[in-house]
C-alpha atoms as a PDB file:
ATOM      1  CA  MET A   1      17.693   4.190  11.936  1.00  0.00           C
ATOM      2  CA  THR A   2      18.980   1.029  13.599  1.00  0.00           C
ATOM      3  CA  TRP A   3      18.472  -2.350  11.996  1.00  0.00           C
ATOM      4  CA  TYR A   4      17.250  -4.691  14.639  1.00  0.00           C
ATOM      5  CA  ASN A   5      17.189  -8.469  14.961  1.00  0.00           C
ATOM      6  CA  PRO A   6      16.878 -10.192  18.338  1.00  0.00           C
ATOM      7  CA  THR A   7      18.446 -13.442  17.076  1.00  0.00           C
ATOM      8  CA  MET A   8      21.044 -12.294  14.541  1.00  0.00           C
ATOM      9  CA  SER A   9      24.660 -13.302  15.187  1.00  0.00           C
ATOM     10  CA  ARG A  10      27.795 -11.635  13.892  1.00  0.00           C
ATOM     11  CA  ASN A  11      28.269 -13.698  10.767  1.00  0.00           C
ATOM     12  CA  PRO A  12      31.108 -12.724   8.393  1.00  0.00           C
ATOM     13  CA  SER A  13      28.920 -13.458   5.387  1.00  0.00           C
ATOM     14  CA  THR A  14      26.312 -10.927   6.491  1.00  0.00           C
ATOM     15  CA  GLU A  15      28.382  -8.412   8.394  1.00  0.00           C
ATOM     16  CA  GLY A  16      28.886  -6.150   5.404  1.00  0.00           C
ATOM     17  CA  LYS A  17      25.171  -5.989   4.777  1.00  0.00           C
ATOM     18  CA  ARG A  18      24.135  -5.586   8.418  1.00  0.00           C
ATOM     19  CA  SER A  19      26.966  -3.590   9.939  1.00  0.00           C
ATOM     20  CA  ARG A  20      24.677  -1.989  12.537  1.00  0.00           C
ATOM     21  CA  VAL A  21      22.691  -5.041  13.680  1.00  0.00           C
ATOM     22  CA  ARG A  22      22.302  -5.369  17.426  1.00  0.00           C
ATOM     23  CA  THR A  23      23.525  -8.808  18.462  1.00  0.00           C
ATOM     24  CA  LEU A  24      21.523 -10.464  21.238  1.00  0.00           C
ATOM     25  CA  SER A  25      22.166 -14.121  20.436  1.00  0.00           C
ATOM     26  CA  SER A  26      24.833 -16.297  18.888  1.00  0.00           C
ATOM     27  CA  HIS A  27      22.343 -18.351  16.892  1.00  0.00           C
ATOM     28  CA  ILE A  28      19.921 -17.741  14.045  1.00  0.00           C
ATOM     29  CA  SER A  29      17.555 -20.319  12.602  1.00  0.00           C
ATOM     30  CA  GLN A  30      15.854 -20.065   9.245  1.00  0.00           C
ATOM     31  CA  PRO A  31      12.371 -18.613   9.687  1.00  0.00           C
ATOM     32  CA  PHE A  32       9.527 -19.990   7.614  1.00  0.00           C
ATOM     33  CA  PHE A  33       8.505 -16.554   6.301  1.00  0.00           C
ATOM     34  CA  SER A  34      10.494 -13.449   5.473  1.00  0.00           C
ATOM     35  CA  ILE A  35       7.971 -10.628   5.254  1.00  0.00           C
ATOM     36  CA  VAL A  36       9.189  -7.788   3.035  1.00  0.00           C
ATOM     37  CA  ILE A  37       7.400  -4.440   3.253  1.00  0.00           C
ATOM     38  CA  PRO A  38       8.377  -1.429   1.106  1.00  0.00           C
ATOM     39  CA  VAL A  39       7.722   1.835   2.943  1.00  0.00           C
ATOM     40  CA  LEU A  40       7.389   5.383   1.631  1.00  0.00           C
ATOM     41  CA  ASN A  41       5.762   8.046   3.811  1.00  0.00           C
ATOM     42  CA  GLU A  42       3.398   5.584   5.470  1.00  0.00           C
ATOM     43  CA  GLN A  43       3.171   7.141   8.929  1.00  0.00           C
ATOM     44  CA  ARG A  44      -0.628   6.836   8.930  1.00  0.00           C
ATOM     45  CA  VAL A  45      -0.805   3.085   8.261  1.00  0.00           C
ATOM     46  CA  ILE A  46       2.457   1.276   9.029  1.00  0.00           C
ATOM     47  CA  SER A  47       1.705   0.885  12.747  1.00  0.00           C
ATOM     48  CA  HIS A  48      -1.510  -0.989  11.947  1.00  0.00           C
ATOM     49  CA  LEU A  49       0.287  -3.611   9.864  1.00  0.00           C
ATOM     50  CA  LEU A  50       3.111  -3.995  12.385  1.00  0.00           C
ATOM     51  CA  LEU A  51       0.545  -4.542  15.131  1.00  0.00           C
ATOM     52  CA  ASP A  52      -1.257  -7.113  12.978  1.00  0.00           C
ATOM     53  CA  LEU A  53       2.004  -8.993  12.449  1.00  0.00           C
ATOM     54  CA  LEU A  54       2.835  -8.766  16.137  1.00  0.00           C
ATOM     55  CA  GLY A  55      -0.510 -10.387  16.930  1.00  0.00           C
ATOM     56  CA  GLN A  56      -0.082 -13.394  14.627  1.00  0.00           C
ATOM     57  CA  THR A  57      -0.672 -16.829  16.122  1.00  0.00           C
ATOM     58  CA  PHE A  58       2.155 -18.185  13.915  1.00  0.00           C
ATOM     59  CA  ARG A  59       5.477 -16.673  14.994  1.00  0.00           C
ATOM     60  CA  ASP A  60       8.104 -18.310  12.772  1.00  0.00           C
ATOM     61  CA  PHE A  61       8.862 -15.246  10.652  1.00  0.00           C
ATOM     62  CA  GLU A  62      11.029 -12.182  10.307  1.00  0.00           C
ATOM     63  CA  VAL A  63       9.967  -8.696   9.172  1.00  0.00           C
ATOM     64  CA  ILE A  64      12.083  -6.676   6.738  1.00  0.00           C
ATOM     65  CA  LEU A  65      11.051  -3.099   6.059  1.00  0.00           C
ATOM     66  CA  VAL A  66      12.770  -1.173   3.273  1.00  0.00           C
ATOM     67  CA  ASP A  67      12.265   2.571   3.476  1.00  0.00           C
ATOM     68  CA  GLY A  68      12.360   4.649   0.299  1.00  0.00           C
ATOM     69  CA  GLN A  69      13.688   7.799   1.987  1.00  0.00           C
ATOM     70  CA  SER A  70      10.488   8.758   3.764  1.00  0.00           C
ATOM     71  CA  ASN A  71      10.290  12.354   4.923  1.00  0.00           C
ATOM     72  CA  ASP A  72       7.463  11.838   7.393  1.00  0.00           C
ATOM     73  CA  ALA A  73       7.330   9.993  10.721  1.00  0.00           C
ATOM     74  CA  SER A  74       7.371   6.471   9.206  1.00  0.00           C
ATOM     75  CA  LEU A  75      10.763   5.529  10.643  1.00  0.00           C
ATOM     76  CA  SER A  76       9.944   6.765  14.144  1.00  0.00           C
ATOM     77  CA  LYS A  77       6.697   4.795  14.030  1.00  0.00           C
ATOM     78  CA  ILE A  78       8.662   1.672  13.080  1.00  0.00           C
ATOM     79  CA  ALA A  79      11.298   2.334  15.756  1.00  0.00           C
ATOM     80  CA  SER A  80       8.597   2.284  18.424  1.00  0.00           C
ATOM     81  CA  PHE A  81       8.081  -1.434  17.673  1.00  0.00           C
ATOM     82  CA  GLU A  82      11.683  -2.527  18.328  1.00  0.00           C
ATOM     83  CA  SER A  83      11.142  -3.569  21.927  1.00  0.00           C
ATOM     84  CA  LYS A  84       7.729  -5.082  21.184  1.00  0.00           C
ATOM     85  CA  TYR A  85       9.151  -7.394  18.524  1.00  0.00           C
ATOM     86  CA  ALA A  86      12.181  -8.210  20.683  1.00  0.00           C
ATOM     87  CA  SER A  87       9.892  -9.266  23.516  1.00  0.00           C
ATOM     88  CA  VAL A  88       8.246 -11.968  21.363  1.00  0.00           C
ATOM     89  CA  GLY A  89      11.452 -13.021  19.574  1.00  0.00           C
ATOM     90  CA  VAL A  90      10.444 -11.899  16.093  1.00  0.00           C
ATOM     91  CA  PRO A  91      13.352 -10.399  14.093  1.00  0.00           C
ATOM     92  CA  LEU A  92      12.693  -6.888  12.794  1.00  0.00           C
ATOM     93  CA  PHE A  93      14.979  -5.232  10.249  1.00  0.00           C
ATOM     94  CA  VAL A  94      14.880  -1.807   8.644  1.00  0.00           C
ATOM     95  CA  PHE A  95      16.943  -0.939   5.574  1.00  0.00           C
ATOM     96  CA  GLN A  96      17.231   2.265   3.601  1.00  0.00           C
ATOM     97  CA  SER A  97      16.772   2.152  -0.156  1.00  0.00           C
ATOM     98  CA  GLU A  98      18.942   4.423  -2.244  1.00  0.00           C
ATOM     99  CA  LYS A  99      15.999   4.924  -4.587  1.00  0.00           C
ATOM    100  CA  ARG A 100      12.283   5.549  -4.194  1.00  0.00           C
ATOM    101  CA  HIS A 101      11.031   2.635  -6.250  1.00  0.00           C
ATOM    102  CA  VAL A 102       8.879  -0.243  -5.057  1.00  0.00           C
ATOM    103  CA  SER A 103      10.793  -2.819  -7.156  1.00  0.00           C
ATOM    104  CA  VAL A 104      14.145  -1.616  -5.856  1.00  0.00           C
ATOM    105  CA  GLN A 105      12.821  -1.758  -2.311  1.00  0.00           C
ATOM    106  CA  ARG A 106      11.331  -5.244  -2.659  1.00  0.00           C
ATOM    107  CA  ASN A 107      14.525  -6.593  -4.246  1.00  0.00           C
ATOM    108  CA  LYS A 108      16.640  -5.071  -1.504  1.00  0.00           C
ATOM    109  CA  GLY A 109      14.459  -6.629   1.161  1.00  0.00           C
ATOM    110  CA  ALA A 110      14.606 -10.022  -0.542  1.00  0.00           C
ATOM    111  CA  SER A 111      18.400  -9.851  -0.689  1.00  0.00           C
ATOM    112  CA  HIS A 112      18.504  -9.679   3.114  1.00  0.00           C
ATOM    113  CA  ALA A 113      15.928 -12.401   3.730  1.00  0.00           C
ATOM    114  CA  HIS A 114      16.574 -15.693   5.544  1.00  0.00           C
ATOM    115  CA  GLY A 115      13.148 -17.313   5.243  1.00  0.00           C
ATOM    116  CA  GLU A 116      12.102 -20.367   3.307  1.00  0.00           C
ATOM    117  CA  TYR A 117       9.305 -18.302   1.808  1.00  0.00           C
ATOM    118  CA  LEU A 118       9.242 -14.603   0.947  1.00  0.00           C
ATOM    119  CA  LEU A 119       6.001 -12.721   1.500  1.00  0.00           C
ATOM    120  CA  PHE A 120       5.770  -9.248  -0.032  1.00  0.00           C
ATOM    121  CA  LEU A 121       3.110  -7.069   1.609  1.00  0.00           C
ATOM    122  CA  ASP A 122       2.011  -3.471   1.147  1.00  0.00           C
ATOM    123  CA  ALA A 123       2.276  -1.145   4.129  1.00  0.00           C
ATOM    124  CA  ASP A 124      -1.456  -0.374   4.091  1.00  0.00           C
ATOM    125  CA  ASN A 125      -2.597  -4.017   4.303  1.00  0.00           C
ATOM    126  CA  ARG A 126      -4.450  -5.368   7.325  1.00  0.00           C
ATOM    127  CA  LEU A 127      -4.171  -8.996   8.427  1.00  0.00           C
ATOM    128  CA  PRO A 128      -6.329 -11.238  10.615  1.00  0.00           C
ATOM    129  CA  HIS A 129      -4.422 -12.804  13.506  1.00  0.00           C
ATOM    130  CA  TYR A 130      -4.518 -16.248  11.838  1.00  0.00           C
ATOM    131  CA  PHE A 131      -3.205 -15.047   8.447  1.00  0.00           C
ATOM    132  CA  LEU A 132       0.319 -16.494   8.642  1.00  0.00           C
ATOM    133  CA  GLU A 133      -0.913 -19.643  10.331  1.00  0.00           C
ATOM    134  CA  GLY A 134      -3.347 -20.171   7.462  1.00  0.00           C
ATOM    135  CA  LEU A 135      -0.635 -19.648   4.855  1.00  0.00           C
ATOM    136  CA  HIS A 136       1.675 -22.013   6.705  1.00  0.00           C
ATOM    137  CA  TYR A 137      -1.050 -24.659   6.781  1.00  0.00           C
ATOM    138  CA  ASN A 138      -1.664 -24.300   3.022  1.00  0.00           C
ATOM    139  CA  LEU A 139       2.032 -24.499   2.173  1.00  0.00           C
ATOM    140  CA  MET A 140       2.678 -27.488   4.418  1.00  0.00           C
ATOM    141  CA  LYS A 141      -0.288 -29.246   2.868  1.00  0.00           C
ATOM    142  CA  LYS A 142       1.094 -28.619  -0.624  1.00  0.00           C
ATOM    143  CA  ALA A 143       4.300 -26.735  -1.376  1.00  0.00           C
ATOM    144  CA  VAL A 144       4.019 -24.198  -4.210  1.00  0.00           C
ATOM    145  CA  GLY A 145       6.523 -21.869  -5.824  1.00  0.00           C
ATOM    146  CA  LEU A 146       4.354 -18.748  -6.093  1.00  0.00           C
ATOM    147  CA  PHE A 147       1.142 -17.758  -4.341  1.00  0.00           C
ATOM    148  CA  THR A 148      -1.238 -14.967  -3.438  1.00  0.00           C
ATOM    149  CA  CYS A 149      -4.501 -14.670  -1.509  1.00  0.00           C
ATOM    150  CA  LEU A 150      -7.930 -13.319  -2.239  1.00  0.00           C
ATOM    151  CA  ALA A 151      -8.607  -9.972  -0.584  1.00  0.00           C
ATOM    152  CA  GLU A 152     -11.347  -8.227   1.342  1.00  0.00           C
ATOM    153  CA  PRO A 153     -12.074  -4.493   0.947  1.00  0.00           C
ATOM    154  CA  ASP A 154     -11.318  -2.129   3.813  1.00  0.00           C
ATOM    155  CA  ASP A 155     -14.969  -1.101   4.188  1.00  0.00           C
ATOM    156  CA  GLN A 156     -18.337  -2.750   3.772  1.00  0.00           C
ATOM    157  CA  SER A 157     -19.880  -0.378   1.212  1.00  0.00           C
ATOM    158  CA  THR A 158     -21.579  -1.998  -1.758  1.00  0.00           C
ATOM    159  CA  SER A 159     -19.250  -0.339  -4.266  1.00  0.00           C
ATOM    160  CA  SER A 160     -16.139  -1.530  -2.409  1.00  0.00           C
ATOM    161  CA  GLN A 161     -17.497  -5.052  -2.113  1.00  0.00           C
ATOM    162  CA  ILE A 162     -18.279  -5.198  -5.836  1.00  0.00           C
ATOM    163  CA  TYR A 163     -14.894  -3.759  -6.806  1.00  0.00           C
ATOM    164  CA  MET A 164     -13.063  -6.339  -4.707  1.00  0.00           C
ATOM    165  CA  GLN A 165     -15.163  -9.200  -6.055  1.00  0.00           C
ATOM    166  CA  ILE A 166     -14.240  -8.136  -9.588  1.00  0.00           C
ATOM    167  CA  GLN A 167     -10.578  -7.865  -8.558  1.00  0.00           C
ATOM    168  CA  ASN A 168     -10.615 -11.363  -7.060  1.00  0.00           C
ATOM    169  CA  ALA A 169     -12.434 -12.801 -10.070  1.00  0.00           C
ATOM    170  CA  GLY A 170      -9.778 -11.210 -12.285  1.00  0.00           C
ATOM    171  CA  LEU A 171      -7.076 -13.113 -10.389  1.00  0.00           C
ATOM    172  CA  GLU A 172      -8.803 -16.421 -11.018  1.00  0.00           C
ATOM    173  CA  LEU A 173      -9.569 -15.635 -14.648  1.00  0.00           C
ATOM    174  CA  GLY A 174      -6.011 -14.499 -15.292  1.00  0.00           C
ATOM    175  CA  LYS A 175      -4.621 -17.714 -13.847  1.00  0.00           C
ATOM    176  CA  ASN A 176      -6.861 -19.800 -16.100  1.00  0.00           C
ATOM    177  CA  LEU A 177      -5.817 -17.772 -19.157  1.00  0.00           C
ATOM    178  CA  ASN A 178      -2.147 -17.656 -18.099  1.00  0.00           C
ATOM    179  CA  VAL A 179      -2.346 -13.848 -17.983  1.00  0.00           C
ATOM    180  CA  ILE A 180      -1.338 -13.290 -14.376  1.00  0.00           C
ATOM    181  CA  THR A 181      -2.991 -10.280 -12.720  1.00  0.00           C
ATOM    182  CA  ILE A 182      -1.516 -10.630  -9.237  1.00  0.00           C
ATOM    183  CA  LEU A 183      -1.601  -7.698  -6.804  1.00  0.00           C
ATOM    184  CA  GLY A 184       1.683  -6.498  -5.357  1.00  0.00           C
ATOM    185  CA  ALA A 185      -0.101  -6.043  -2.032  1.00  0.00           C
ATOM    186  CA  CYS A 186       0.334  -9.772  -1.371  1.00  0.00           C
ATOM    187  CA  ILE A 187       2.843 -11.910  -3.263  1.00  0.00           C
ATOM    188  CA  GLY A 188       4.491 -14.978  -1.791  1.00  0.00           C
ATOM    189  CA  CYS A 189       7.138 -17.274  -3.235  1.00  0.00           C
ATOM    190  CA  GLN A 190       9.818 -19.713  -2.230  1.00  0.00           C
ATOM    191  CA  ARG A 191      13.059 -17.854  -1.633  1.00  0.00           C
ATOM    192  CA  SER A 192      14.820 -20.244  -4.016  1.00  0.00           C
ATOM    193  CA  VAL A 193      12.288 -19.349  -6.732  1.00  0.00           C
ATOM    194  CA  PHE A 194      12.976 -15.643  -6.202  1.00  0.00           C
ATOM    195  CA  GLU A 195      16.741 -16.175  -6.287  1.00  0.00           C
ATOM    196  CA  ASN A 196      16.451 -18.070  -9.567  1.00  0.00           C
ATOM    197  CA  SER A 197      14.347 -15.287 -11.093  1.00  0.00           C
ATOM    198  CA  ALA A 198      15.287 -11.796 -12.236  1.00  0.00           C
ATOM    199  CA  GLY A 199      13.392 -10.352  -9.274  1.00  0.00           C
ATOM    200  CA  PHE A 200      11.167  -7.321  -9.690  1.00  0.00           C
ATOM    201  CA  ASP A 201      12.051  -5.363 -12.822  1.00  0.00           C
ATOM    202  CA  GLU A 202      13.488  -2.051 -11.621  1.00  0.00           C
ATOM    203  CA  THR A 203      12.969  -0.411 -15.022  1.00  0.00           C
ATOM    204  CA  ILE A 204       9.178  -0.774 -14.798  1.00  0.00           C
ATOM    205  CA  SER A 205       7.055   2.020 -13.350  1.00  0.00           C
ATOM    206  CA  PHE A 206       3.684   0.257 -13.233  1.00  0.00           C
ATOM    207  CA  MET A 207       2.383  -3.340 -13.061  1.00  0.00           C
ATOM    208  CA  GLU A 208       5.813  -4.576 -11.991  1.00  0.00           C
ATOM    209  CA  ASP A 209       4.029  -7.081  -9.736  1.00  0.00           C
ATOM    210  CA  ARG A 210       2.261  -8.692 -12.694  1.00  0.00           C
ATOM    211  CA  GLU A 211       5.462  -8.829 -14.766  1.00  0.00           C
ATOM    212  CA  PHE A 212       7.328 -10.473 -11.885  1.00  0.00           C
ATOM    213  CA  ALA A 213       4.688 -13.154 -11.376  1.00  0.00           C
ATOM    214  CA  GLN A 214       4.158 -13.765 -15.086  1.00  0.00           C
ATOM    215  CA  ALA A 215       7.866 -14.332 -15.667  1.00  0.00           C
ATOM    216  CA  ILE A 216       7.980 -16.914 -12.857  1.00  0.00           C
ATOM    217  CA  VAL A 217       4.841 -18.741 -13.993  1.00  0.00           C
ATOM    218  CA  ASN A 218       6.232 -18.872 -17.549  1.00  0.00           C
ATOM    219  CA  THR A 219       9.142 -20.983 -16.257  1.00  0.00           C
ATOM    220  CA  GLY A 220       6.702 -23.644 -15.071  1.00  0.00           C
ATOM    221  CA  VAL A 221       6.679 -22.769 -11.374  1.00  0.00           C
ATOM    222  CA  SER A 222       3.439 -23.736  -9.614  1.00  0.00           C
ATOM    223  CA  PHE A 223       1.070 -20.893  -8.763  1.00  0.00           C
ATOM    224  CA  GLU A 224      -1.805 -20.893  -6.282  1.00  0.00           C
ATOM    225  CA  ILE A 225      -4.485 -18.365  -5.332  1.00  0.00           C
ATOM    226  CA  TYR A 226      -5.648 -19.078  -1.801  1.00  0.00           C
ATOM    227  CA  PRO A 227      -9.298 -18.301  -1.042  1.00  0.00           C
ATOM    228  CA  ASP A 228      -8.409 -18.537   2.635  1.00  0.00           C
ATOM    229  CA  PRO A 229      -6.876 -16.845   4.525  1.00  0.00           C
ATOM    230  CA  THR A 230      -7.793 -13.469   3.100  1.00  0.00           C
ATOM    231  CA  TYR A 231      -6.215 -10.115   3.871  1.00  0.00           C
ATOM    232  CA  THR A 232      -7.713  -6.626   3.859  1.00  0.00           C
ATOM    233  CA  TYR A 233      -6.766  -4.597   0.814  1.00  0.00           C
ATOM    234  CA  SER A 234      -6.718  -0.820   1.119  1.00  0.00           C
ATOM    235  CA  LEU A 235      -8.921   1.009  -1.375  1.00  0.00           C
ATOM    236  CA  ARG A 236      -7.555   4.407  -0.350  1.00  0.00           C
ATOM    237  CA  ARG A 237      -6.330   5.194  -3.876  1.00  0.00           C
ATOM    238  CA  ILE A 238      -9.716   4.407  -5.383  1.00  0.00           C
ATOM    239  CA  LYS A 239     -11.479   6.415  -2.697  1.00  0.00           C
ATOM    240  CA  LYS A 240      -9.250   9.393  -3.396  1.00  0.00           C
ATOM    241  CA  ASP A 241      -9.521   9.222  -7.192  1.00  0.00           C
ATOM    242  CA  GLY A 242     -13.107   7.986  -7.439  1.00  0.00           C
ATOM    243  CA  ILE A 243     -13.766   4.504  -8.788  1.00  0.00           C
ATOM    244  CA  VAL A 244     -15.018   5.585 -12.244  1.00  0.00           C
ATOM    245  CA  ARG A 245     -12.193   8.044 -12.755  1.00  0.00           C
ATOM    246  CA  HIS A 246      -9.611   5.572 -11.433  1.00  0.00           C
ATOM    247  CA  VAL A 247     -10.658   2.723 -13.714  1.00  0.00           C
ATOM    248  CA  SER A 248     -11.302   4.829 -16.835  1.00  0.00           C
ATOM    249  CA  ARG A 249      -7.892   6.522 -16.645  1.00  0.00           C
ATOM    250  CA  LEU A 250      -6.048   3.211 -16.297  1.00  0.00           C
ATOM    251  CA  ILE A 251      -7.843   1.235 -19.014  1.00  0.00           C
ATOM    252  CA  PRO A 252      -5.371   2.321 -21.766  1.00  0.00           C
ATOM    253  CA  THR A 253      -2.377   1.281 -19.620  1.00  0.00           C
ATOM    254  CA  TRP A 254      -3.944  -2.038 -18.629  1.00  0.00           C
ATOM    255  CA  THR A 255      -4.714  -2.714 -22.284  1.00  0.00           C
ATOM    256  CA  GLU A 256      -1.131  -2.007 -23.356  1.00  0.00           C
ATOM    257  CA  ASN A 257       0.262  -4.368 -20.746  1.00  0.00           C
ATOM    258  CA  LEU A 258      -2.275  -7.198 -20.610  1.00  0.00           C
ATOM    259  CA  LEU A 259      -3.268  -7.427 -24.264  1.00  0.00           C
ATOM    260  CA  LEU A 260      -0.267  -6.010 -26.096  1.00  0.00           C
ATOM    261  CA  GLY A 261       2.428  -7.242 -23.721  1.00  0.00           C
ATOM    262  CA  LYS A 262       4.060  -3.821 -23.415  1.00  0.00           C
ATOM    263  CA  LYS A 263       6.143  -3.147 -20.302  1.00  0.00           C
ATOM    264  CA  ILE A 264       5.240   0.182 -18.703  1.00  0.00           C
ATOM    265  CA  THR A 265       8.549   1.970 -18.173  1.00  0.00           C
ATOM    266  CA  GLU A 266       7.365   5.596 -18.155  1.00  0.00           C
ATOM    267  CA  PRO A 267       5.616   7.097 -15.109  1.00  0.00           C
ATOM    268  CA  VAL A 268       1.843   6.711 -15.296  1.00  0.00           C
ATOM    269  CA  ALA A 269       0.154  10.037 -14.513  1.00  0.00           C
ATOM    270  CA  ALA A 270      -3.053   8.262 -13.486  1.00  0.00           C
ATOM    271  CA  TYR A 271      -1.155   6.172 -10.912  1.00  0.00           C
ATOM    272  CA  PRO A 272       1.454   8.317  -9.137  1.00  0.00           C
ATOM    273  CA  MET A 273       3.853   6.252  -7.024  1.00  0.00           C
ATOM    274  CA  LYS A 274       4.281   8.656  -4.112  1.00  0.00           C
ATOM    275  CA  GLY A 275       3.616   6.307  -1.228  1.00  0.00           C
ATOM    276  CA  GLY A 276       1.407   7.525   1.592  1.00  0.00           C
ATOM    277  CA  SER A 277       2.018  11.201   0.847  1.00  0.00           C
ATOM    278  CA  TYR A 278      -0.187  10.942  -2.245  1.00  0.00           C
ATOM    279  CA  PHE A 279      -3.225  10.473  -0.037  1.00  0.00           C
ATOM    280  CA  ASP A 280      -2.478  13.651   1.902  1.00  0.00           C
ATOM    281  CA  GLU A 281      -2.407  15.773  -1.224  1.00  0.00           C
ATOM    282  CA  LYS A 282      -5.355  18.006  -1.977  1.00  0.00           C
ATOM    283  CA  GLU A 283      -6.014  17.859  -5.666  1.00  0.00           C
ATOM    284  CA  ALA A 284      -6.213  21.235  -7.383  1.00  0.00           C
ATOM    285  CA  LEU A 285      -9.533  21.981  -9.027  1.00  0.00           C
ATOM    286  CA  PRO A 286      -9.538  22.194 -12.828  1.00  0.00           C
ATOM    287  CA  PRO A 287      -9.704  25.777 -14.185  1.00  0.00           C
ATOM    288  CA  ARG A 288     -13.268  25.275 -15.425  1.00  0.00           C
ATOM    289  CA  ALA A 289     -14.431  24.143 -11.993  1.00  0.00           C
ATOM    290  CA  ARG A 290     -12.702  27.087 -10.330  1.00  0.00           C
ATOM    291  CA  GLU A 291     -14.424  29.453 -12.777  1.00  0.00           C
ATOM    292  CA  TRP A 292     -17.874  28.053 -11.980  1.00  0.00           C
ATOM    293  CA  ILE A 293     -17.252  28.240  -8.237  1.00  0.00           C
ATOM    294  CA  LYS A 294     -16.159  31.871  -8.598  1.00  0.00           C
ATOM    295  CA  ARG A 295     -19.345  32.680 -10.513  1.00  0.00           C
ATOM    296  CA  ILE A 296     -21.508  31.051  -7.856  1.00  0.00           C
ATOM    297  CA  VAL A 297     -19.694  32.944  -5.086  1.00  0.00           C
ATOM    298  CA  ASP A 298     -20.044  36.235  -6.994  1.00  0.00           C
ATOM    299  CA  VAL A 299     -23.776  35.709  -7.492  1.00  0.00           C
ATOM    300  CA  PHE A 300     -24.195  34.773  -3.820  1.00  0.00           C
ATOM    301  CA  ASN A 301     -22.280  37.862  -2.692  1.00  0.00           C
ATOM    302  CA  LYS A 302     -24.325  40.054  -5.006  1.00  0.00           C
ATOM    303  CA  LEU A 303     -27.597  38.673  -3.701  1.00  0.00           C
ATOM    304  CA  MET A 304     -26.436  39.026  -0.124  1.00  0.00           C
ATOM    305  CA  GLY A 305     -25.313  42.582  -0.871  1.00  0.00           C
ATOM    306  CA  GLU A 306     -28.743  43.470  -2.303  1.00  0.00           C
ATOM    307  CA  GLU A 307     -30.439  41.861   0.699  1.00  0.00           C
ATOM    308  CA  ARG A 308     -28.264  43.923   3.047  1.00  0.00           C
ATOM    309  CA  ILE A 309     -29.197  47.123   1.166  1.00  0.00           C
ATOM    310  CA  GLU A 310     -32.921  46.318   1.300  1.00  0.00           C
ATOM    311  CA  LEU A 311     -32.689  45.400   5.000  1.00  0.00           C
ATOM    312  CA  GLY A 312     -30.768  48.604   5.698  1.00  0.00           C
ATOM    313  CA  ASN A 313     -33.409  50.699   3.913  1.00  0.00           C
ATOM    314  CA  ALA A 314     -36.221  48.990   5.819  1.00  0.00           C
ATOM    315  CA  LEU A 315     -34.523  49.643   9.170  1.00  0.00           C
ATOM    316  CA  SER A 316     -33.933  53.249   8.226  1.00  0.00           C
ATOM    317  CA  GLU A 317     -37.613  53.746   7.356  1.00  0.00           C
ATOM    318  CA  LEU A 318     -38.640  52.099  10.613  1.00  0.00           C
ATOM    319  CA  GLN A 319     -36.415  54.402  12.632  1.00  0.00           C
ATOM    320  CA  LYS A 320     -37.876  57.427  10.814  1.00  0.00           C
ATOM    321  CA  LYS A 321     -41.418  56.288  11.629  1.00  0.00           C
ATOM    322  CA  LYS A 322     -40.494  55.892  15.320  1.00  0.00           C
ATOM    323  CA  LYS A 323     -39.077  59.407  15.414  1.00  0.00           C
ATOM    324  CA  ARG A 324     -42.219  60.848  13.803  1.00  0.00           C
ATOM    325  CA  THR A 325     -44.422  58.955  16.283  1.00  0.00           C
ATOM    326  CA  ARG A 326     -42.462  60.295  19.263  1.00  0.00           C
ATOM    327  CA  SER A 327     -42.514  63.877  17.978  1.00  0.00           C
ATOM    328  CA  SER A 328     -46.281  63.753  17.510  1.00  0.00           C
END
């Protein structure tokens, strides 16, 4: 996969990191935003986000995608946007991560960023066309070190609306209690703040976004939650797992982290980090469910078998009656 940047020059300080960059200009200016997107088997959704970014009214940004060794068509989907981004002068980079880990991928993307602000987004987000312009307006009005935005659900069902309202309320409550509950789907910070931090903890398997933000806020950096602009948050995991099952299985882990301050370093079975491929998996039925289904099928087949026998007998009797009628 080629790393692409329509304004990147051959700079000795970056040449080792970007040895395959196509050079189309001898000048690069610092963009306002560096948008970092970790990717892992996101062929179904990545084009939507790249189109949303391409349609932004604010164009002073670069896009950095860090692929975690996807084995689907994610990279070819991204490659199809090279010429589109070049045509509007927005730098687009793709890097390969040596490890499938969202913290590793975010840190790698940040290490290649030029922007004044870093904006970490999830590949399944959707953005209104004014999203970056709104963020730019907020940050020019008052500079902050760390920020996020309230989110909208990806459908209008009552359950999704309620879930997202609770999620947004949790952000506000956490800020007031200094227990940061930020979502990794949308985290922004000054690049200097990131560089002075430890970055995303690569030893953590779950809630690494919260740990990152909490550590920064604890140093006294300003933190804002913007009610506008909002972005669309994908509820695909909750839709796959079921909201009750999803929440009930994660309560023990949330409790350990939020109330007991324990870092989650072991994989969380209730929250597999498999990227987009997780949503293509068909979950195996529990043995008990399979047993009940088999019983139902057996009963159905038995009933249908008895019906076929009775129908066969009735037809046989009818044929016999016809023969007797003809012979008489």
